[in-house]
Amino acid sequence: MTITEDCVTGVGAGNGTLERQGQNYPFKVFGSVVGPGGGGPGGGVEKISASGPVYKLVSVGDFPGRYTQSTGKAGLSSSGGSDLWLENNACVIMHLEGTSTGAMLTLGKDEIIVRMAQ
């Protein structure tokens, strides 16, 4: 799975592709990032490119939904690398690793919404 997202003042939107059994499924990502301690939205401008495995995906229909920070340590956000675990209500887990450019005050809590592209 790959995701490219642009974040401005803690709210992001982007696109991604889920690869499963030789097929590609495009999706849209809408996200918000809350600053450390949950004290409010993050700030700054950031471009994120991430990819990684998806676990516990029984069917593509389980992939869309609201993902929140899951297992593993909190993600890191600064120009450079990132590592983030997210899980949705269907127990699907994404492990995103990637790069970011720009600066963003983050990662007390992360939440993204995934919708399959039409």
PDB file of N, CA and C in Angstrom:
ATOM      1  N   MET A   1       0.844  -1.155   0.000  1.00  0.00           N
ATOM      2  CA  MET A   1       0.000   0.000   0.000  1.00  0.00           C
ATOM      3  C   MET A   1       0.896   1.227   0.000  1.00  0.00           C
ATOM      4  N   THR A   2       0.497   2.253  -0.771  1.00  0.00           N
ATOM      5  CA  THR A   2       1.232   3.508  -0.801  1.00  0.00           C
ATOM      6  C   THR A   2       0.264   4.661  -0.571  1.00  0.00           C
ATOM      7  N   ILE A   3       0.760   5.705   0.078  1.00  0.00           N
ATOM      8  CA  ILE A   3      -0.040   6.902   0.346  1.00  0.00           C
ATOM      9  C   ILE A   3       0.829   8.121   0.091  1.00  0.00           C
ATOM     10  N   THR A   4       0.256   9.135  -0.550  1.00  0.00           N
ATOM     11  CA  THR A   4       0.870  10.450  -0.658  1.00  0.00           C
ATOM     12  C   THR A   4      -0.126  11.442  -0.109  1.00  0.00           C
ATOM     13  N   GLU A   5       0.322  12.281   0.843  1.00  0.00           N
ATOM     14  CA  GLU A   5      -0.594  13.187   1.527  1.00  0.00           C
ATOM     15  C   GLU A   5       0.074  14.530   1.736  1.00  0.00           C
ATOM     16  N   ASP A   6      -0.696  15.609   1.582  1.00  0.00           N
ATOM     17  CA  ASP A   6      -0.257  16.957   1.909  1.00  0.00           C
ATOM     18  C   ASP A   6      -0.997  17.403   3.152  1.00  0.00           C
ATOM     19  N   CYS A   7      -0.267  17.867   4.171  1.00  0.00           N
ATOM     20  CA  CYS A   7      -0.869  18.339   5.414  1.00  0.00           C
ATOM     21  C   CYS A   7      -0.587  19.823   5.570  1.00  0.00           C
ATOM     22  N   VAL A   8      -1.613  20.585   5.886  1.00  0.00           N
ATOM     23  CA  VAL A   8      -1.463  22.004   6.184  1.00  0.00           C
ATOM     24  C   VAL A   8      -2.189  22.256   7.502  1.00  0.00           C
ATOM     25  N   THR A   9      -1.489  22.826   8.466  1.00  0.00           N
ATOM     26  CA  THR A   9      -2.006  23.083   9.810  1.00  0.00           C
ATOM     27  C   THR A   9      -2.766  21.900  10.390  1.00  0.00           C
ATOM     28  N   GLY A  10      -2.191  20.722  10.254  1.00  0.00           N
ATOM     29  CA  GLY A  10      -2.722  19.547  10.931  1.00  0.00           C
ATOM     30  C   GLY A  10      -3.808  18.780  10.212  1.00  0.00           C
ATOM     31  N   VAL A  11      -4.285  19.258   9.080  1.00  0.00           N
ATOM     32  CA  VAL A  11      -5.331  18.550   8.345  1.00  0.00           C
ATOM     33  C   VAL A  11      -4.763  18.169   6.982  1.00  0.00           C
ATOM     34  N   GLY A  12      -4.929  16.910   6.605  1.00  0.00           N
ATOM     35  CA  GLY A  12      -4.342  16.457   5.360  1.00  0.00           C
ATOM     36  C   GLY A  12      -5.335  15.776   4.452  1.00  0.00           C
ATOM     37  N   ALA A  13      -4.961  15.698   3.197  1.00  0.00           N
ATOM     38  CA  ALA A  13      -5.740  14.968   2.200  1.00  0.00           C
ATOM     39  C   ALA A  13      -4.747  14.368   1.218  1.00  0.00           C
ATOM     40  N   GLY A  14      -5.079  13.186   0.727  1.00  0.00           N
ATOM     41  CA  GLY A  14      -4.165  12.558  -0.201  1.00  0.00           C
ATOM     42  C   GLY A  14      -4.788  11.388  -0.914  1.00  0.00           C
ATOM     43  N   ASN A  15      -3.943  10.676  -1.619  1.00  0.00           N
ATOM     44  CA  ASN A  15      -4.352   9.520  -2.411  1.00  0.00           C
ATOM     45  C   ASN A  15      -3.477   8.333  -2.062  1.00  0.00           C
ATOM     46  N   GLY A  16      -3.996   7.159  -2.324  1.00  0.00           N
ATOM     47  CA  GLY A  16      -3.215   5.967  -2.093  1.00  0.00           C
ATOM     48  C   GLY A  16      -3.662   4.843  -2.987  1.00  0.00           C
ATOM     49  N   THR A  17      -2.906   3.764  -2.945  1.00  0.00           N
ATOM     50  CA  THR A  17      -3.238   2.562  -3.705  1.00  0.00           C
ATOM     51  C   THR A  17      -3.034   1.354  -2.813  1.00  0.00           C
ATOM     52  N   LEU A  18      -4.061   0.546  -2.697  1.00  0.00           N
ATOM     53  CA  LEU A  18      -3.979  -0.724  -1.996  1.00  0.00           C
ATOM     54  C   LEU A  18      -3.719  -1.792  -3.043  1.00  0.00           C
ATOM     55  N   GLU A  19      -2.640  -2.546  -2.866  1.00  0.00           N
ATOM     56  CA  GLU A  19      -2.318  -3.643  -3.766  1.00  0.00           C
ATOM     57  C   GLU A  19      -2.698  -4.938  -3.063  1.00  0.00           C
ATOM     58  N   ARG A  20      -3.593  -5.721  -3.691  1.00  0.00           N
ATOM     59  CA  ARG A  20      -4.045  -6.979  -3.083  1.00  0.00           C
ATOM     60  C   ARG A  20      -4.285  -8.016  -4.171  1.00  0.00           C
ATOM     61  N   GLN A  21      -3.641  -9.135  -4.034  1.00  0.00           N
ATOM     62  CA  GLN A  21      -3.795 -10.256  -4.951  1.00  0.00           C
ATOM     63  C   GLN A  21      -3.661  -9.832  -6.412  1.00  0.00           C
ATOM     64  N   GLY A  22      -2.638  -9.047  -6.688  1.00  0.00           N
ATOM     65  CA  GLY A  22      -2.345  -8.634  -8.054  1.00  0.00           C
ATOM     66  C   GLY A  22      -3.204  -7.512  -8.605  1.00  0.00           C
ATOM     67  N   GLN A  23      -4.111  -6.962  -7.801  1.00  0.00           N
ATOM     68  CA  GLN A  23      -4.961  -5.864  -8.265  1.00  0.00           C
ATOM     69  C   GLN A  23      -4.675  -4.611  -7.447  1.00  0.00           C
ATOM     70  N   ASN A  24      -4.870  -3.461  -8.095  1.00  0.00           N
ATOM     71  CA  ASN A  24      -4.692  -2.167  -7.434  1.00  0.00           C
ATOM     72  C   ASN A  24      -6.050  -1.540  -7.161  1.00  0.00           C
ATOM     73  N   TYR A  25      -6.229  -1.043  -5.944  1.00  0.00           N
ATOM     74  CA  TYR A  25      -7.465  -0.392  -5.522  1.00  0.00           C
ATOM     75  C   TYR A  25      -7.127   1.022  -5.059  1.00  0.00           C
ATOM     76  N   PRO A  26      -7.476   2.037  -5.850  1.00  0.00           N
ATOM     77  CA  PRO A  26      -7.175   3.415  -5.437  1.00  0.00           C
ATOM     78  C   PRO A  26      -8.106   3.854  -4.302  1.00  0.00           C
ATOM     79  N   PHE A  27      -7.572   4.718  -3.434  1.00  0.00           N
ATOM     80  CA  PHE A  27      -8.375   5.252  -2.345  1.00  0.00           C
ATOM     81  C   PHE A  27      -7.963   6.681  -2.029  1.00  0.00           C
ATOM     82  N   LYS A  28      -8.808   7.374  -1.309  1.00  0.00           N
ATOM     83  CA  LYS A  28      -8.557   8.747  -0.853  1.00  0.00           C
ATOM     84  C   LYS A  28      -8.342   8.703   0.654  1.00  0.00           C
ATOM     85  N   VAL A  29      -7.493   9.597   1.134  1.00  0.00           N
ATOM     86  CA  VAL A  29      -7.186   9.689   2.555  1.00  0.00           C
ATOM     87  C   VAL A  29      -7.502  11.103   3.023  1.00  0.00           C
ATOM     88  N   PHE A  30      -8.208  11.198   4.141  1.00  0.00           N
ATOM     89  CA  PHE A  30      -8.488  12.470   4.794  1.00  0.00           C
ATOM     90  C   PHE A  30      -8.029  12.307   6.231  1.00  0.00           C
ATOM     91  N   GLY A  31      -7.195  13.216   6.735  1.00  0.00           N
ATOM     92  CA  GLY A  31      -6.651  12.992   8.061  1.00  0.00           C
ATOM     93  C   GLY A  31      -6.534  14.241   8.887  1.00  0.00           C
ATOM     94  N   SER A  32      -6.395  14.010  10.176  1.00  0.00           N
ATOM     95  CA  SER A  32      -6.112  15.091  11.102  1.00  0.00           C
ATOM     96  C   SER A  32      -5.066  14.598  12.076  1.00  0.00           C
ATOM     97  N   VAL A  33      -4.256  15.518  12.532  1.00  0.00           N
ATOM     98  CA  VAL A  33      -3.193  15.181  13.459  1.00  0.00           C
ATOM     99  C   VAL A  33      -3.365  16.071  14.677  1.00  0.00           C
ATOM    100  N   VAL A  34      -3.381  15.471  15.851  1.00  0.00           N
ATOM    101  CA  VAL A  34      -3.508  16.224  17.089  1.00  0.00           C
ATOM    102  C   VAL A  34      -2.146  16.306  17.740  1.00  0.00           C
ATOM    103  N   GLY A  35      -1.809  17.456  18.258  1.00  0.00           N
ATOM    104  CA  GLY A  35      -0.495  17.667  18.860  1.00  0.00           C
ATOM    105  C   GLY A  35      -0.268  16.838  20.106  1.00  0.00           C
ATOM    106  N   PRO A  36       0.981  16.787  20.610  1.00  0.00           N
ATOM    107  CA  PRO A  36       1.319  15.978  21.770  1.00  0.00           C
ATOM    108  C   PRO A  36       0.408  16.292  22.946  1.00  0.00           C
ATOM    109  N   GLY A  37      -0.037  15.242  23.620  1.00  0.00           N
ATOM    110  CA  GLY A  37      -0.906  15.407  24.766  1.00  0.00           C
ATOM    111  C   GLY A  37      -2.337  15.698  24.388  1.00  0.00           C
ATOM    112  N   GLY A  38      -2.668  15.693  23.106  1.00  0.00           N
ATOM    113  CA  GLY A  38      -4.034  15.943  22.672  1.00  0.00           C
ATOM    114  C   GLY A  38      -4.442  17.389  22.818  1.00  0.00           C
ATOM    115  N   GLY A  39      -3.479  18.306  22.849  1.00  0.00           N
ATOM    116  CA  GLY A  39      -3.767  19.694  23.132  1.00  0.00           C
ATOM    117  C   GLY A  39      -4.307  20.499  21.979  1.00  0.00           C
ATOM    118  N   GLY A  40      -4.581  19.944  20.857  1.00  0.00           N
ATOM    119  CA  GLY A  40      -5.118  20.707  19.740  1.00  0.00           C
ATOM    120  C   GLY A  40      -4.461  20.302  18.458  1.00  0.00           C
ATOM    121  N   PRO A  41      -4.919  20.884  17.356  1.00  0.00           N
ATOM    122  CA  PRO A  41      -4.392  20.479  16.059  1.00  0.00           C
ATOM    123  C   PRO A  41      -2.911  20.785  15.940  1.00  0.00           C
ATOM    124  N   GLY A  42      -2.254  19.976  15.142  1.00  0.00           N
ATOM    125  CA  GLY A  42      -0.861  20.246  14.838  1.00  0.00           C
ATOM    126  C   GLY A  42      -0.769  21.477  13.956  1.00  0.00           C
ATOM    127  N   GLY A  43       0.437  21.945  13.739  1.00  0.00           N
ATOM    128  CA  GLY A  43       0.606  23.121  12.907  1.00  0.00           C
ATOM    129  C   GLY A  43       1.744  22.921  11.942  1.00  0.00           C
ATOM    130  N   GLY A  44       1.715  23.651  10.843  1.00  0.00           N
ATOM    131  CA  GLY A  44       2.793  23.580   9.880  1.00  0.00           C
ATOM    132  C   GLY A  44       2.330  23.054   8.549  1.00  0.00           C
ATOM    133  N   VAL A  45       3.303  22.820   7.684  1.00  0.00           N
ATOM    134  CA  VAL A  45       3.043  22.307   6.344  1.00  0.00           C
ATOM    135  C   VAL A  45       3.946  21.107   6.143  1.00  0.00           C
ATOM    136  N   GLU A  46       3.395  20.043   5.602  1.00  0.00           N
ATOM    137  CA  GLU A  46       4.174  18.832   5.432  1.00  0.00           C
ATOM    138  C   GLU A  46       3.647  18.045   4.239  1.00  0.00           C
ATOM    139  N   LYS A  47       4.566  17.400   3.509  1.00  0.00           N
ATOM    140  CA  LYS A  47       4.196  16.461   2.443  1.00  0.00           C
ATOM    141  C   LYS A  47       4.710  15.101   2.876  1.00  0.00           C
ATOM    142  N   ILE A  48       3.823  14.112   2.872  1.00  0.00           N
ATOM    143  CA  ILE A  48       4.147  12.786   3.362  1.00  0.00           C
ATOM    144  C   ILE A  48       4.013  11.780   2.220  1.00  0.00           C
ATOM    145  N   SER A  49       5.000  10.923   2.078  1.00  0.00           N
ATOM    146  CA  SER A  49       4.931   9.775   1.174  1.00  0.00           C
ATOM    147  C   SER A  49       5.220   8.552   2.019  1.00  0.00           C
ATOM    148  N   ALA A  50       4.282   7.615   2.074  1.00  0.00           N
ATOM    149  CA  ALA A  50       4.452   6.456   2.943  1.00  0.00           C
ATOM    150  C   ALA A  50       3.962   5.193   2.247  1.00  0.00           C
ATOM    151  N   SER A  51       4.490   4.078   2.691  1.00  0.00           N
ATOM    152  CA  SER A  51       4.031   2.787   2.198  1.00  0.00           C
ATOM    153  C   SER A  51       4.243   1.764   3.294  1.00  0.00           C
ATOM    154  N   GLY A  52       3.589   0.635   3.135  1.00  0.00           N
ATOM    155  CA  GLY A  52       3.774  -0.421   4.108  1.00  0.00           C
ATOM    156  C   GLY A  52       2.730  -1.494   3.994  1.00  0.00           C
ATOM    157  N   PRO A  53       2.894  -2.507   4.814  1.00  0.00           N
ATOM    158  CA  PRO A  53       1.970  -3.638   4.771  1.00  0.00           C
ATOM    159  C   PRO A  53       0.649  -3.338   5.460  1.00  0.00           C
ATOM    160  N   VAL A  54      -0.356  -4.116   5.082  1.00  0.00           N
ATOM    161  CA  VAL A  54      -1.677  -4.068   5.709  1.00  0.00           C
ATOM    162  C   VAL A  54      -1.919  -5.450   6.311  1.00  0.00           C
ATOM    163  N   TYR A  55      -2.304  -5.483   7.570  1.00  0.00           N
ATOM    164  CA  TYR A  55      -2.522  -6.741   8.267  1.00  0.00           C
ATOM    165  C   TYR A  55      -4.003  -6.938   8.568  1.00  0.00           C
ATOM    166  N   LYS A  56      -4.417  -8.189   8.690  1.00  0.00           N
ATOM    167  CA  LYS A  56      -5.772  -8.586   9.069  1.00  0.00           C
ATOM    168  C   LYS A  56      -6.835  -8.123   8.068  1.00  0.00           C
ATOM    169  N   LEU A  57      -6.468  -7.988   6.806  1.00  0.00           N
ATOM    170  CA  LEU A  57      -7.414  -7.585   5.770  1.00  0.00           C
ATOM    171  C   LEU A  57      -8.036  -8.835   5.163  1.00  0.00           C
ATOM    172  N   VAL A  58      -9.292  -9.107   5.504  1.00  0.00           N
ATOM    173  CA  VAL A  58      -9.998 -10.285   5.006  1.00  0.00           C
ATOM    174  C   VAL A  58     -10.534 -10.021   3.606  1.00  0.00           C
ATOM    175  N   SER A  59     -11.126  -8.815   3.401  1.00  0.00           N
ATOM    176  CA  SER A  59     -11.622  -8.433   2.080  1.00  0.00           C
ATOM    177  C   SER A  59     -11.378  -6.945   1.882  1.00  0.00           C
ATOM    178  N   VAL A  60     -11.351  -6.515   0.636  1.00  0.00           N
ATOM    179  CA  VAL A  60     -11.125  -5.099   0.323  1.00  0.00           C
ATOM    180  C   VAL A  60     -12.201  -4.232   0.977  1.00  0.00           C
ATOM    181  N   GLY A  61     -13.406  -4.776   1.146  1.00  0.00           N
ATOM    182  CA  GLY A  61     -14.490  -4.041   1.789  1.00  0.00           C
ATOM    183  C   GLY A  61     -14.204  -3.677   3.237  1.00  0.00           C
ATOM    184  N   ASP A  62     -13.239  -4.353   3.882  1.00  0.00           N
ATOM    185  CA  ASP A  62     -12.860  -4.030   5.256  1.00  0.00           C
ATOM    186  C   ASP A  62     -11.845  -2.898   5.328  1.00  0.00           C
ATOM    187  N   PHE A  63     -11.269  -2.503   4.195  1.00  0.00           N
ATOM    188  CA  PHE A  63     -10.190  -1.512   4.190  1.00  0.00           C
ATOM    189  C   PHE A  63     -10.647  -0.087   4.482  1.00  0.00           C
ATOM    190  N   PRO A  64     -11.744   0.413   3.887  1.00  0.00           N
ATOM    191  CA  PRO A  64     -12.135   1.794   4.165  1.00  0.00           C
ATOM    192  C   PRO A  64     -12.569   1.960   5.626  1.00  0.00           C
ATOM    193  N   GLY A  65     -12.514   3.198   6.089  1.00  0.00           N
ATOM    194  CA  GLY A  65     -12.980   3.497   7.440  1.00  0.00           C
ATOM    195  C   GLY A  65     -12.079   4.474   8.154  1.00  0.00           C
ATOM    196  N   ARG A  66     -12.370   4.652   9.430  1.00  0.00           N
ATOM    197  CA  ARG A  66     -11.614   5.563  10.291  1.00  0.00           C
ATOM    198  C   ARG A  66     -10.489   4.778  10.960  1.00  0.00           C
ATOM    199  N   TYR A  67      -9.252   5.224  10.748  1.00  0.00           N
ATOM    200  CA  TYR A  67      -8.084   4.602  11.351  1.00  0.00           C
ATOM    201  C   TYR A  67      -7.540   5.522  12.436  1.00  0.00           C
ATOM    202  N   THR A  68      -7.195   4.928  13.573  1.00  0.00           N
ATOM    203  CA  THR A  68      -6.572   5.692  14.654  1.00  0.00           C
ATOM    204  C   THR A  68      -5.274   5.003  15.036  1.00  0.00           C
ATOM    205  N   GLN A  69      -4.435   5.745  15.762  1.00  0.00           N
ATOM    206  CA  GLN A  69      -3.151   5.213  16.173  1.00  0.00           C
ATOM    207  C   GLN A  69      -3.356   3.898  16.904  1.00  0.00           C
ATOM    208  N   SER A  70      -2.540   2.927  16.577  1.00  0.00           N
ATOM    209  CA  SER A  70      -2.738   1.566  17.053  1.00  0.00           C
ATOM    210  C   SER A  70      -1.517   1.099  17.825  1.00  0.00           C
ATOM    211  N   THR A  71      -1.098  -0.137  17.547  1.00  0.00           N
ATOM    212  CA  THR A  71       0.042  -0.740  18.216  1.00  0.00           C
ATOM    213  C   THR A  71       1.326  -0.060  17.781  1.00  0.00           C
ATOM    214  N   GLY A  72       2.401  -0.393  18.438  1.00  0.00           N
ATOM    215  CA  GLY A  72       3.682   0.196  18.093  1.00  0.00           C
ATOM    216  C   GLY A  72       3.836   1.560  18.724  1.00  0.00           C
ATOM    217  N   LYS A  73       5.004   2.143  18.559  1.00  0.00           N
ATOM    218  CA  LYS A  73       5.248   3.439  19.166  1.00  0.00           C
ATOM    219  C   LYS A  73       4.631   4.537  18.330  1.00  0.00           C
ATOM    220  N   ALA A  74       4.445   5.696  18.937  1.00  0.00           N
ATOM    221  CA  ALA A  74       3.883   6.844  18.228  1.00  0.00           C
ATOM    222  C   ALA A  74       4.735   7.170  17.022  1.00  0.00           C
ATOM    223  N   GLY A  75       4.097   7.675  15.988  1.00  0.00           N
ATOM    224  CA  GLY A  75       4.819   8.054  14.781  1.00  0.00           C
ATOM    225  C   GLY A  75       5.744   9.218  15.039  1.00  0.00           C
ATOM    226  N   LEU A  76       6.702   9.375  14.185  1.00  0.00           N
ATOM    227  CA  LEU A  76       7.647  10.468  14.281  1.00  0.00           C
ATOM    228  C   LEU A  76       7.368  11.413  13.136  1.00  0.00           C
ATOM    229  N   SER A  77       7.386  12.700  13.399  1.00  0.00           N
ATOM    230  CA  SER A  77       7.093  13.631  12.326  1.00  0.00           C
ATOM    231  C   SER A  77       8.069  14.787  12.340  1.00  0.00           C
ATOM    232  N   SER A  78       8.945  14.781  11.374  1.00  0.00           N
ATOM    233  CA  SER A  78       9.875  15.862  11.101  1.00  0.00           C
ATOM    234  C   SER A  78      10.405  15.560   9.713  1.00  0.00           C
ATOM    235  N   SER A  79      11.102  16.513   9.116  1.00  0.00           N
ATOM    236  CA  SER A  79      11.653  16.198   7.801  1.00  0.00           C
ATOM    237  C   SER A  79      12.516  14.957   7.944  1.00  0.00           C
ATOM    238  N   GLY A  80      12.235  13.963   7.182  1.00  0.00           N
ATOM    239  CA  GLY A  80      12.956  12.709   7.289  1.00  0.00           C
ATOM    240  C   GLY A  80      12.007  11.535   7.287  1.00  0.00           C
ATOM    241  N   GLY A  81      12.189  10.605   8.219  1.00  0.00           N
ATOM    242  CA  GLY A  81      11.414   9.382   8.229  1.00  0.00           C
ATOM    243  C   GLY A  81      10.236   9.412   9.180  1.00  0.00           C
ATOM    244  N   SER A  82       9.304   8.490   8.967  1.00  0.00           N
ATOM    245  CA  SER A  82       8.147   8.351   9.847  1.00  0.00           C
ATOM    246  C   SER A  82       7.812   6.881   9.985  1.00  0.00           C
ATOM    247  N   ASP A  83       7.172   6.531  11.092  1.00  0.00           N
ATOM    248  CA  ASP A  83       6.798   5.151  11.386  1.00  0.00           C
ATOM    249  C   ASP A  83       5.503   5.217  12.175  1.00  0.00           C
ATOM    250  N   LEU A  84       4.416   4.679  11.625  1.00  0.00           N
ATOM    251  CA  LEU A  84       3.112   4.840  12.249  1.00  0.00           C
ATOM    252  C   LEU A  84       2.279   3.578  12.060  1.00  0.00           C
ATOM    253  N   TRP A  85       1.595   3.151  13.132  1.00  0.00           N
ATOM    254  CA  TRP A  85       0.679   2.015  13.103  1.00  0.00           C
ATOM    255  C   TRP A  85      -0.722   2.556  13.292  1.00  0.00           C
ATOM    256  N   LEU A  86      -1.649   2.222  12.384  1.00  0.00           N
ATOM    257  CA  LEU A  86      -3.036   2.669  12.452  1.00  0.00           C
ATOM    258  C   LEU A  86      -3.966   1.472  12.328  1.00  0.00           C
ATOM    259  N   GLU A  87      -5.114   1.524  13.032  1.00  0.00           N
ATOM    260  CA  GLU A  87      -6.079   0.426  12.992  1.00  0.00           C
ATOM    261  C   GLU A  87      -7.483   0.975  12.832  1.00  0.00           C
ATOM    262  N   ASN A  88      -8.337   0.265  12.039  1.00  0.00           N
ATOM    263  CA  ASN A  88      -9.724   0.699  11.864  1.00  0.00           C
ATOM    264  C   ASN A  88     -10.675  -0.193  12.671  1.00  0.00           C
ATOM    265  N   ASN A  89     -11.984   0.098  12.590  1.00  0.00           N
ATOM    266  CA  ASN A  89     -12.992  -0.646  13.355  1.00  0.00           C
ATOM    267  C   ASN A  89     -13.126  -2.100  12.920  1.00  0.00           C
ATOM    268  N   ALA A  90     -12.680  -2.430  11.706  1.00  0.00           N
ATOM    269  CA  ALA A  90     -12.720  -3.817  11.219  1.00  0.00           C
ATOM    270  C   ALA A  90     -11.454  -4.579  11.615  1.00  0.00           C
ATOM    271  N   CYS A  91     -10.624  -3.966  12.487  1.00  0.00           N
ATOM    272  CA  CYS A  91      -9.367  -4.554  12.974  1.00  0.00           C
ATOM    273  C   CYS A  91      -8.291  -4.659  11.896  1.00  0.00           C
ATOM    274  N   VAL A  92      -8.436  -3.914  10.802  1.00  0.00           N
ATOM    275  CA  VAL A  92      -7.399  -3.855   9.775  1.00  0.00           C
ATOM    276  C   VAL A  92      -6.311  -2.916  10.289  1.00  0.00           C
ATOM    277  N   ILE A  93      -5.064  -3.329  10.165  1.00  0.00           N
ATOM    278  CA  ILE A  93      -3.929  -2.553  10.662  1.00  0.00           C
ATOM    279  C   ILE A  93      -3.034  -2.161   9.495  1.00  0.00           C
ATOM    280  N   MET A  94      -2.656  -0.869   9.434  1.00  0.00           N
ATOM    281  CA  MET A  94      -1.671  -0.370   8.473  1.00  0.00           C
ATOM    282  C   MET A  94      -0.398  -0.047   9.230  1.00  0.00           C
ATOM    283  N   HIS A  95       0.736  -0.440   8.680  1.00  0.00           N
ATOM    284  CA  HIS A  95       2.023  -0.020   9.222  1.00  0.00           C
ATOM    285  C   HIS A  95       2.676   0.847   8.157  1.00  0.00           C
ATOM    286  N   LEU A  96       2.645   2.149   8.380  1.00  0.00           N
ATOM    287  CA  LEU A  96       3.155   3.103   7.393  1.00  0.00           C
ATOM    288  C   LEU A  96       4.559   3.553   7.763  1.00  0.00           C
ATOM    289  N   GLU A  97       5.455   3.433   6.815  1.00  0.00           N
ATOM    290  CA  GLU A  97       6.800   3.968   6.963  1.00  0.00           C
ATOM    291  C   GLU A  97       7.066   4.818   5.739  1.00  0.00           C
ATOM    292  N   GLY A  98       7.684   5.958   5.946  1.00  0.00           N
ATOM    293  CA  GLY A  98       7.932   6.792   4.788  1.00  0.00           C
ATOM    294  C   GLY A  98       8.745   8.006   5.104  1.00  0.00           C
ATOM    295  N   THR A  99       8.644   8.956   4.215  1.00  0.00           N
ATOM    296  CA  THR A  99       9.404  10.189   4.348  1.00  0.00           C
ATOM    297  C   THR A  99       8.461  11.370   4.368  1.00  0.00           C
ATOM    298  N   SER A 100       8.911  12.433   4.976  1.00  0.00           N
ATOM    299  CA  SER A 100       8.137  13.667   5.006  1.00  0.00           C
ATOM    300  C   SER A 100       9.082  14.826   4.786  1.00  0.00           C
ATOM    301  N   THR A 101       8.543  15.897   4.232  1.00  0.00           N
ATOM    302  CA  THR A 101       9.303  17.132   4.067  1.00  0.00           C
ATOM    303  C   THR A 101       8.493  18.241   4.696  1.00  0.00           C
ATOM    304  N   GLY A 102       9.170  19.201   5.280  1.00  0.00           N
ATOM    305  CA  GLY A 102       8.494  20.281   5.975  1.00  0.00           C
ATOM    306  C   GLY A 102       8.521  20.003   7.462  1.00  0.00           C
ATOM    307  N   ALA A 103       7.808  20.804   8.209  1.00  0.00           N
ATOM    308  CA  ALA A 103       7.775  20.661   9.665  1.00  0.00           C
ATOM    309  C   ALA A 103       6.341  20.618  10.126  1.00  0.00           C
ATOM    310  N   MET A 104       6.076  19.756  11.096  1.00  0.00           N
ATOM    311  CA  MET A 104       4.721  19.600  11.599  1.00  0.00           C
ATOM    312  C   MET A 104       4.802  19.287  13.084  1.00  0.00           C
ATOM    313  N   LEU A 105       4.001  19.975  13.888  1.00  0.00           N
ATOM    314  CA  LEU A 105       3.872  19.663  15.302  1.00  0.00           C
ATOM    315  C   LEU A 105       2.860  18.542  15.429  1.00  0.00           C
ATOM    316  N   THR A 106       3.282  17.348  15.856  1.00  0.00           N
ATOM    317  CA  THR A 106       2.401  16.193  15.882  1.00  0.00           C
ATOM    318  C   THR A 106       2.754  15.256  17.019  1.00  0.00           C
ATOM    319  N   LEU A 107       2.309  14.313  17.132  1.00  0.00           N
ATOM    320  CA  LEU A 107       1.757  13.005  17.043  1.00  0.00           C
ATOM    321  C   LEU A 107       1.248  12.512  18.381  1.00  0.00           C
ATOM    322  N   GLY A 108       0.501  13.302  19.092  1.00  0.00           N
ATOM    323  CA  GLY A 108      -0.152  12.774  20.270  1.00  0.00           C
ATOM    324  C   GLY A 108      -1.192  11.757  19.867  1.00  0.00           C
ATOM    325  N   LYS A 109      -1.907  12.025  18.794  1.00  0.00           N
ATOM    326  CA  LYS A 109      -2.897  11.088  18.271  1.00  0.00           C
ATOM    327  C   LYS A 109      -3.044  11.362  16.784  1.00  0.00           C
ATOM    328  N   ASP A 110      -3.139  10.306  16.002  1.00  0.00           N
ATOM    329  CA  ASP A 110      -3.355  10.441  14.570  1.00  0.00           C
ATOM    330  C   ASP A 110      -4.642   9.754  14.205  1.00  0.00           C
ATOM    331  N   GLU A 111      -5.328  10.319  13.236  1.00  0.00           N
ATOM    332  CA  GLU A 111      -6.570   9.732  12.761  1.00  0.00           C
ATOM    333  C   GLU A 111      -6.685  10.049  11.275  1.00  0.00           C
ATOM    334  N   ILE A 112      -6.981   9.036  10.480  1.00  0.00           N
ATOM    335  CA  ILE A 112      -7.242   9.255   9.064  1.00  0.00           C
ATOM    336  C   ILE A 112      -8.522   8.514   8.690  1.00  0.00           C
ATOM    337  N   ILE A 113      -9.162   9.004   7.649  1.00  0.00           N
ATOM    338  CA  ILE A 113     -10.349   8.347   7.102  1.00  0.00           C
ATOM    339  C   ILE A 113      -9.989   7.911   5.683  1.00  0.00           C
ATOM    340  N   VAL A 114     -10.229   6.639   5.394  1.00  0.00           N
ATOM    341  CA  VAL A 114      -9.941   6.085   4.079  1.00  0.00           C
ATOM    342  C   VAL A 114     -11.266   5.821   3.375  1.00  0.00           C
ATOM    343  N   ARG A 115     -11.376   6.322   2.144  1.00  0.00           N
ATOM    344  CA  ARG A 115     -12.543   6.059   1.292  1.00  0.00           C
ATOM    345  C   ARG A 115     -12.032   5.528  -0.036  1.00  0.00           C
ATOM    346  N   MET A 116     -12.653   4.471  -0.510  1.00  0.00           N
ATOM    347  CA  MET A 116     -12.246   3.911  -1.802  1.00  0.00           C
ATOM    348  C   MET A 116     -12.628   4.897  -2.894  1.00  0.00           C
ATOM    349  N   ALA A 117     -11.740   5.074  -3.881  1.00  0.00           N
ATOM    350  CA  ALA A 117     -11.988   5.981  -4.997  1.00  0.00           C
ATOM    351  C   ALA A 117     -13.062   5.384  -5.898  1.00  0.00           C
ATOM    352  N   GLN A 118     -13.843   6.240  -6.506  1.00  0.00           N
ATOM    353  CA  GLN A 118     -14.923   5.777  -7.381  1.00  0.00           C
ATOM    354  C   GLN A 118     -14.424   5.564  -8.776  1.00  0.00           C
TER     355      GLN A 118
END
